[in-house]
């Protein structure tokens, strides 16, 4: 891989600010391999590394107007990758703690648990029904059925960036819809999603 000169990178960043897709693709091709290696070191998961890489470059595109071409783009993307990785790690630790807390509950009541899970599923499916059909389909395949982006892409014939966009939008809408019931749902659905 050719090492890009600083002046060339600055020009790519200026073009990126103008919405130039070629510049975006060039920056992706320059930084994606190194970012992927770093993400794999941090996360030890190829799928998580792919997800974060997609999220990172979607974010770069969204904030392209505020990127300063005079500052190091490499420093920016590596810092973003580290922050996104920390967020994933924190969520993972929190999920594990919640599962342990739920599983450690000595007052196990199968009838109450079944009713709670049933109510939670109803709330979730009602919220999912408020998404667009494609968002619901992609979200369900990835988050509930556990399919990878590659599997979804081959089944639906859509790109990984489109899949990521649908999941991001679905997450935003579901957070808004379920905000008042979020803690309740989280506590109940953790076992539901892990019982498969």
C-alpha atoms as a PDB file:
ATOM      1  CA  UNK A   1       0.000   0.000   0.000  1.00  0.00           C
ATOM      2  CA  UNK A   2       1.329   3.425  -0.926  1.00  0.00           C
ATOM      3  CA  UNK A   3       1.904   5.860   1.887  1.00  0.00           C
ATOM      4  CA  UNK A   4      -0.176   8.939   1.231  1.00  0.00           C
ATOM      5  CA  UNK A   5       1.548  12.275   1.523  1.00  0.00           C
ATOM      6  CA  UNK A   6       0.178  14.761   4.043  1.00  0.00           C
ATOM      7  CA  UNK A   7      -0.672  17.281   1.312  1.00  0.00           C
ATOM      8  CA  UNK A   8      -2.600  14.620  -0.627  1.00  0.00           C
ATOM      9  CA  UNK A   9      -4.525  13.663   2.523  1.00  0.00           C
ATOM     10  CA  UNK A  10      -5.398  17.303   3.138  1.00  0.00           C
ATOM     11  CA  UNK A  11      -6.751  17.535  -0.394  1.00  0.00           C
ATOM     12  CA  UNK A  12      -8.804  14.359   0.120  1.00  0.00           C
ATOM     13  CA  UNK A  13     -10.196  15.824   3.347  1.00  0.00           C
ATOM     14  CA  UNK A  14     -11.139  19.073   1.587  1.00  0.00           C
ATOM     15  CA  UNK A  15     -12.926  17.077  -1.091  1.00  0.00           C
ATOM     16  CA  UNK A  16     -14.587  14.947   1.575  1.00  0.00           C
ATOM     17  CA  UNK A  17     -15.961  18.122   3.182  1.00  0.00           C
ATOM     18  CA  UNK A  18     -17.570  18.931  -0.186  1.00  0.00           C
ATOM     19  CA  UNK A  19     -19.248  15.510  -0.236  1.00  0.00           C
ATOM     20  CA  UNK A  20     -16.898  13.908  -2.762  1.00  0.00           C
ATOM     21  CA  UNK A  21     -17.506  10.147  -2.618  1.00  0.00           C
ATOM     22  CA  UNK A  22     -14.202   9.349  -4.360  1.00  0.00           C
ATOM     23  CA  UNK A  23     -12.303  11.131  -1.572  1.00  0.00           C
ATOM     24  CA  UNK A  24     -14.362   9.245   1.027  1.00  0.00           C
ATOM     25  CA  UNK A  25     -13.612   5.920  -0.663  1.00  0.00           C
ATOM     26  CA  UNK A  26      -9.911   6.782  -0.959  1.00  0.00           C
ATOM     27  CA  UNK A  27      -9.694   7.606   2.751  1.00  0.00           C
ATOM     28  CA  UNK A  28     -11.558   4.393   3.561  1.00  0.00           C
ATOM     29  CA  UNK A  29      -9.143   2.327   1.460  1.00  0.00           C
ATOM     30  CA  UNK A  30      -6.153   3.992   3.126  1.00  0.00           C
ATOM     31  CA  UNK A  31      -7.293   3.591   6.726  1.00  0.00           C
ATOM     32  CA  UNK A  32      -9.631   0.560   6.774  1.00  0.00           C
ATOM     33  CA  UNK A  33      -6.923  -2.146   6.770  1.00  0.00           C
ATOM     34  CA  UNK A  34      -4.983  -0.577   9.666  1.00  0.00           C
ATOM     35  CA  UNK A  35      -8.173   0.201  11.586  1.00  0.00           C
ATOM     36  CA  UNK A  36      -9.395  -3.358  11.112  1.00  0.00           C
ATOM     37  CA  UNK A  37      -6.155  -4.729  12.558  1.00  0.00           C
ATOM     38  CA  UNK A  38      -6.409  -2.389  15.551  1.00  0.00           C
ATOM     39  CA  UNK A  39     -10.083  -3.237  16.119  1.00  0.00           C
ATOM     40  CA  UNK A  40      -9.338  -6.958  15.952  1.00  0.00           C
ATOM     41  CA  UNK A  41      -6.621  -6.476  18.591  1.00  0.00           C
ATOM     42  CA  UNK A  42      -9.025  -4.571  20.834  1.00  0.00           C
ATOM     43  CA  UNK A  43     -12.182  -6.647  20.357  1.00  0.00           C
ATOM     44  CA  UNK A  44     -10.958 -10.092  19.274  1.00  0.00           C
ATOM     45  CA  UNK A  45     -14.044 -10.418  17.097  1.00  0.00           C
ATOM     46  CA  UNK A  46     -14.084 -10.070  13.334  1.00  0.00           C
ATOM     47  CA  UNK A  47     -17.811  -9.326  13.267  1.00  0.00           C
ATOM     48  CA  UNK A  48     -17.562  -6.611  15.943  1.00  0.00           C
ATOM     49  CA  UNK A  49     -14.550  -5.121  14.143  1.00  0.00           C
ATOM     50  CA  UNK A  50     -16.545  -4.984  10.881  1.00  0.00           C
ATOM     51  CA  UNK A  51     -19.535  -3.415  12.639  1.00  0.00           C
ATOM     52  CA  UNK A  52     -17.425  -0.740  14.296  1.00  0.00           C
ATOM     53  CA  UNK A  53     -15.507   0.003  11.108  1.00  0.00           C
ATOM     54  CA  UNK A  54     -18.820   0.542   9.294  1.00  0.00           C
ATOM     55  CA  UNK A  55     -20.156   2.715  12.131  1.00  0.00           C
ATOM     56  CA  UNK A  56     -16.956   4.733  12.187  1.00  0.00           C
ATOM     57  CA  UNK A  57     -16.991   5.563   8.475  1.00  0.00           C
ATOM     58  CA  UNK A  58     -20.704   6.302   8.499  1.00  0.00           C
ATOM     59  CA  UNK A  59     -19.973   8.760  11.311  1.00  0.00           C
ATOM     60  CA  UNK A  60     -17.069  10.241   9.291  1.00  0.00           C
ATOM     61  CA  UNK A  61     -19.452  10.824   6.376  1.00  0.00           C
ATOM     62  CA  UNK A  62     -22.057  12.393   8.674  1.00  0.00           C
ATOM     63  CA  UNK A  63     -19.546  14.807  10.271  1.00  0.00           C
ATOM     64  CA  UNK A  64     -17.441  15.410   7.150  1.00  0.00           C
ATOM     65  CA  UNK A  65     -18.211  19.153   7.167  1.00  0.00           C
ATOM     66  CA  UNK A  66     -16.619  19.599  10.592  1.00  0.00           C
ATOM     67  CA  UNK A  67     -13.402  17.667   9.875  1.00  0.00           C
ATOM     68  CA  UNK A  68     -10.383  19.965   9.886  1.00  0.00           C
ATOM     69  CA  UNK A  69      -8.031  19.056   6.993  1.00  0.00           C
ATOM     70  CA  UNK A  70      -5.131  20.663   8.872  1.00  0.00           C
ATOM     71  CA  UNK A  71      -5.344  18.133  11.703  1.00  0.00           C
ATOM     72  CA  UNK A  72      -4.284  14.482  11.514  1.00  0.00           C
ATOM     73  CA  UNK A  73      -7.105  12.402  10.066  1.00  0.00           C
ATOM     74  CA  UNK A  74      -5.335   9.228  11.208  1.00  0.00           C
ATOM     75  CA  UNK A  75      -5.351  10.411  14.811  1.00  0.00           C
ATOM     76  CA  UNK A  76      -9.057  11.223  14.502  1.00  0.00           C
ATOM     77  CA  UNK A  77     -10.137   7.841  13.108  1.00  0.00           C
ATOM     78  CA  UNK A  78      -7.983   5.830  15.514  1.00  0.00           C
ATOM     79  CA  UNK A  79      -9.356   7.788  18.476  1.00  0.00           C
ATOM     80  CA  UNK A  80     -12.919   7.239  17.204  1.00  0.00           C
ATOM     81  CA  UNK A  81     -12.199   3.508  16.779  1.00  0.00           C
ATOM     82  CA  UNK A  82     -10.844   3.293  20.332  1.00  0.00           C
ATOM     83  CA  UNK A  83     -13.881   5.111  21.741  1.00  0.00           C
ATOM     84  CA  UNK A  84     -16.345   2.940  19.812  1.00  0.00           C
ATOM     85  CA  UNK A  85     -14.481  -0.171  21.029  1.00  0.00           C
ATOM     86  CA  UNK A  86     -14.643   1.029  24.636  1.00  0.00           C
ATOM     87  CA  UNK A  87     -18.397   1.570  24.259  1.00  0.00           C
ATOM     88  CA  UNK A  88     -18.852  -1.969  22.924  1.00  0.00           C
ATOM     89  CA  UNK A  89     -16.729  -3.355  25.753  1.00  0.00           C
ATOM     90  CA  UNK A  90     -18.682  -1.407  28.385  1.00  0.00           C
ATOM     91  CA  UNK A  91     -21.996  -2.622  26.951  1.00  0.00           C
ATOM     92  CA  UNK A  92     -20.696  -6.187  26.973  1.00  0.00           C
ATOM     93  CA  UNK A  93     -19.578  -5.953  30.609  1.00  0.00           C
ATOM     94  CA  UNK A  94     -22.890  -4.353  31.589  1.00  0.00           C
ATOM     95  CA  UNK A  95     -24.832  -7.083  29.758  1.00  0.00           C
ATOM     96  CA  UNK A  96     -22.830  -9.780  31.547  1.00  0.00           C
ATOM     97  CA  UNK A  97     -23.419  -8.139  34.932  1.00  0.00           C
ATOM     98  CA  UNK A  98     -27.147  -7.873  34.231  1.00  0.00           C
ATOM     99  CA  UNK A  99     -27.318 -11.538  33.185  1.00  0.00           C
ATOM    100  CA  UNK A 100     -25.467 -12.582  36.349  1.00  0.00           C
ATOM    101  CA  UNK A 101     -27.773 -10.470  38.491  1.00  0.00           C
ATOM    102  CA  UNK A 102     -30.873 -11.891  36.829  1.00  0.00           C
ATOM    103  CA  UNK A 103     -29.568 -15.465  36.997  1.00  0.00           C
ATOM    104  CA  UNK A 104     -28.536 -15.028  40.643  1.00  0.00           C
ATOM    105  CA  UNK A 105     -32.105 -14.239  41.673  1.00  0.00           C
ATOM    106  CA  UNK A 106     -32.975 -16.971  44.195  1.00  0.00           C
ATOM    107  CA  UNK A 107     -36.677 -16.169  44.139  1.00  0.00           C
ATOM    108  CA  UNK A 108     -37.101 -17.774  40.727  1.00  0.00           C
ATOM    109  CA  UNK A 109     -40.776 -17.783  39.770  1.00  0.00           C
ATOM    110  CA  UNK A 110     -41.328 -19.484  36.379  1.00  0.00           C
ATOM    111  CA  UNK A 111     -44.936 -18.230  36.059  1.00  0.00           C
ATOM    112  CA  UNK A 112     -44.014 -14.601  36.765  1.00  0.00           C
ATOM    113  CA  UNK A 113     -40.955 -14.885  34.511  1.00  0.00           C
ATOM    114  CA  UNK A 114     -43.088 -16.283  31.706  1.00  0.00           C
ATOM    115  CA  UNK A 115     -45.641 -13.456  32.091  1.00  0.00           C
ATOM    116  CA  UNK A 116     -42.887 -10.824  32.207  1.00  0.00           C
ATOM    117  CA  UNK A 117     -41.217 -12.254  29.125  1.00  0.00           C
ATOM    118  CA  UNK A 118     -44.554 -12.401  27.346  1.00  0.00           C
ATOM    119  CA  UNK A 119     -45.282  -8.740  28.189  1.00  0.00           C
ATOM    120  CA  UNK A 120     -41.790  -7.701  27.160  1.00  0.00           C
ATOM    121  CA  UNK A 121     -42.079  -9.544  23.855  1.00  0.00           C
ATOM    122  CA  UNK A 122     -45.419  -7.853  23.185  1.00  0.00           C
ATOM    123  CA  UNK A 123     -43.885  -4.425  23.873  1.00  0.00           C
ATOM    124  CA  UNK A 124     -40.905  -5.199  21.671  1.00  0.00           C
ATOM    125  CA  UNK A 125     -42.969  -6.528  18.768  1.00  0.00           C
ATOM    126  CA  UNK A 126     -45.360  -3.567  18.989  1.00  0.00           C
ATOM    127  CA  UNK A 127     -42.330  -1.267  18.784  1.00  0.00           C
ATOM    128  CA  UNK A 128     -40.837  -3.282  15.909  1.00  0.00           C
ATOM    129  CA  UNK A 129     -44.111  -2.942  14.013  1.00  0.00           C
ATOM    130  CA  UNK A 130     -43.652   0.836  14.045  1.00  0.00           C
ATOM    131  CA  UNK A 131     -40.429   0.525  12.022  1.00  0.00           C
ATOM    132  CA  UNK A 132     -40.391   0.482   8.239  1.00  0.00           C
ATOM    133  CA  UNK A 133     -40.704  -3.055   6.849  1.00  0.00           C
ATOM    134  CA  UNK A 134     -37.037  -3.105   5.716  1.00  0.00           C
ATOM    135  CA  UNK A 135     -35.766  -1.751   9.057  1.00  0.00           C
ATOM    136  CA  UNK A 136     -37.801  -4.360  10.930  1.00  0.00           C
ATOM    137  CA  UNK A 137     -36.549  -7.146   8.661  1.00  0.00           C
ATOM    138  CA  UNK A 138     -32.863  -6.173   8.927  1.00  0.00           C
ATOM    139  CA  UNK A 139     -33.043  -5.437  12.673  1.00  0.00           C
ATOM    140  CA  UNK A 140     -34.750  -8.769  13.400  1.00  0.00           C
ATOM    141  CA  UNK A 141     -32.279 -10.721  11.275  1.00  0.00           C
ATOM    142  CA  UNK A 142     -29.231  -9.145  12.942  1.00  0.00           C
ATOM    143  CA  UNK A 143     -30.245  -8.418  16.530  1.00  0.00           C
ATOM    144  CA  UNK A 144     -32.750 -11.191  17.212  1.00  0.00           C
ATOM    145  CA  UNK A 145     -31.812 -13.998  14.804  1.00  0.00           C
ATOM    146  CA  UNK A 146     -28.091 -13.266  15.188  1.00  0.00           C
ATOM    147  CA  UNK A 147     -27.204 -13.178  11.490  1.00  0.00           C
ATOM    148  CA  UNK A 148     -24.005 -11.414  10.422  1.00  0.00           C
ATOM    149  CA  UNK A 149     -23.963  -8.508   7.978  1.00  0.00           C
ATOM    150  CA  UNK A 150     -22.622 -10.884   5.292  1.00  0.00           C
ATOM    151  CA  UNK A 151     -25.487 -13.338   5.791  1.00  0.00           C
ATOM    152  CA  UNK A 152     -28.074 -10.547   5.670  1.00  0.00           C
ATOM    153  CA  UNK A 153     -26.399  -9.020   2.630  1.00  0.00           C
ATOM    154  CA  UNK A 154     -26.545 -12.303   0.698  1.00  0.00           C
ATOM    155  CA  UNK A 155     -30.167 -12.974   1.698  1.00  0.00           C
ATOM    156  CA  UNK A 156     -31.523  -9.478   1.009  1.00  0.00           C
ATOM    157  CA  UNK A 157     -29.048  -8.422  -1.678  1.00  0.00           C
ATOM    158  CA  UNK A 158     -28.176  -5.131   0.043  1.00  0.00           C
ATOM    159  CA  UNK A 159     -24.825  -3.645   1.043  1.00  0.00           C
ATOM    160  CA  UNK A 160     -23.285  -3.746   4.505  1.00  0.00           C
ATOM    161  CA  UNK A 161     -23.571   0.032   4.744  1.00  0.00           C
ATOM    162  CA  UNK A 162     -27.308  -0.189   3.963  1.00  0.00           C
ATOM    163  CA  UNK A 163     -27.682  -2.874   6.631  1.00  0.00           C
ATOM    164  CA  UNK A 164     -25.822  -0.725   9.136  1.00  0.00           C
ATOM    165  CA  UNK A 165     -27.964   2.294   8.249  1.00  0.00           C
ATOM    166  CA  UNK A 166     -31.196   0.312   8.790  1.00  0.00           C
ATOM    167  CA  UNK A 167     -29.951  -0.988  12.150  1.00  0.00           C
ATOM    168  CA  UNK A 168     -28.830   2.481  13.295  1.00  0.00           C
ATOM    169  CA  UNK A 169     -32.193   4.012  12.335  1.00  0.00           C
ATOM    170  CA  UNK A 170     -34.109   1.141  13.935  1.00  0.00           C
ATOM    171  CA  UNK A 171     -32.085   1.530  17.148  1.00  0.00           C
ATOM    172  CA  UNK A 172     -32.875   5.256  17.294  1.00  0.00           C
ATOM    173  CA  UNK A 173     -36.591   4.687  16.743  1.00  0.00           C
ATOM    174  CA  UNK A 174     -36.801   1.782  19.177  1.00  0.00           C
ATOM    175  CA  UNK A 175     -35.020   3.809  21.866  1.00  0.00           C
ATOM    176  CA  UNK A 176     -37.570   6.584  21.436  1.00  0.00           C
ATOM    177  CA  UNK A 177     -40.530   4.205  21.375  1.00  0.00           C
ATOM    178  CA  UNK A 178     -39.387   2.095  24.320  1.00  0.00           C
ATOM    179  CA  UNK A 179     -37.782   4.844  26.418  1.00  0.00           C
ATOM    180  CA  UNK A 180     -40.330   4.676  29.245  1.00  0.00           C
ATOM    181  CA  UNK A 181     -40.137   0.876  29.397  1.00  0.00           C
ATOM    182  CA  UNK A 182     -36.405   0.577  28.692  1.00  0.00           C
ATOM    183  CA  UNK A 183     -35.158  -0.626  32.082  1.00  0.00           C
ATOM    184  CA  UNK A 184     -38.097  -2.988  32.414  1.00  0.00           C
ATOM    185  CA  UNK A 185     -37.515  -4.410  28.934  1.00  0.00           C
ATOM    186  CA  UNK A 186     -33.778  -4.714  29.398  1.00  0.00           C
ATOM    187  CA  UNK A 187     -34.150  -6.644  32.632  1.00  0.00           C
ATOM    188  CA  UNK A 188     -36.680  -9.003  31.096  1.00  0.00           C
ATOM    189  CA  UNK A 189     -35.368  -9.428  27.562  1.00  0.00           C
ATOM    190  CA  UNK A 190     -31.794 -10.314  28.419  1.00  0.00           C
ATOM    191  CA  UNK A 191     -32.826 -13.910  29.174  1.00  0.00           C
ATOM    192  CA  UNK A 192     -35.281 -13.970  26.252  1.00  0.00           C
ATOM    193  CA  UNK A 193     -32.593 -13.215  23.681  1.00  0.00           C
ATOM    194  CA  UNK A 194     -30.082 -15.566  25.246  1.00  0.00           C
ATOM    195  CA  UNK A 195     -32.404 -18.537  25.573  1.00  0.00           C
ATOM    196  CA  UNK A 196     -32.038 -19.391  21.870  1.00  0.00           C
END
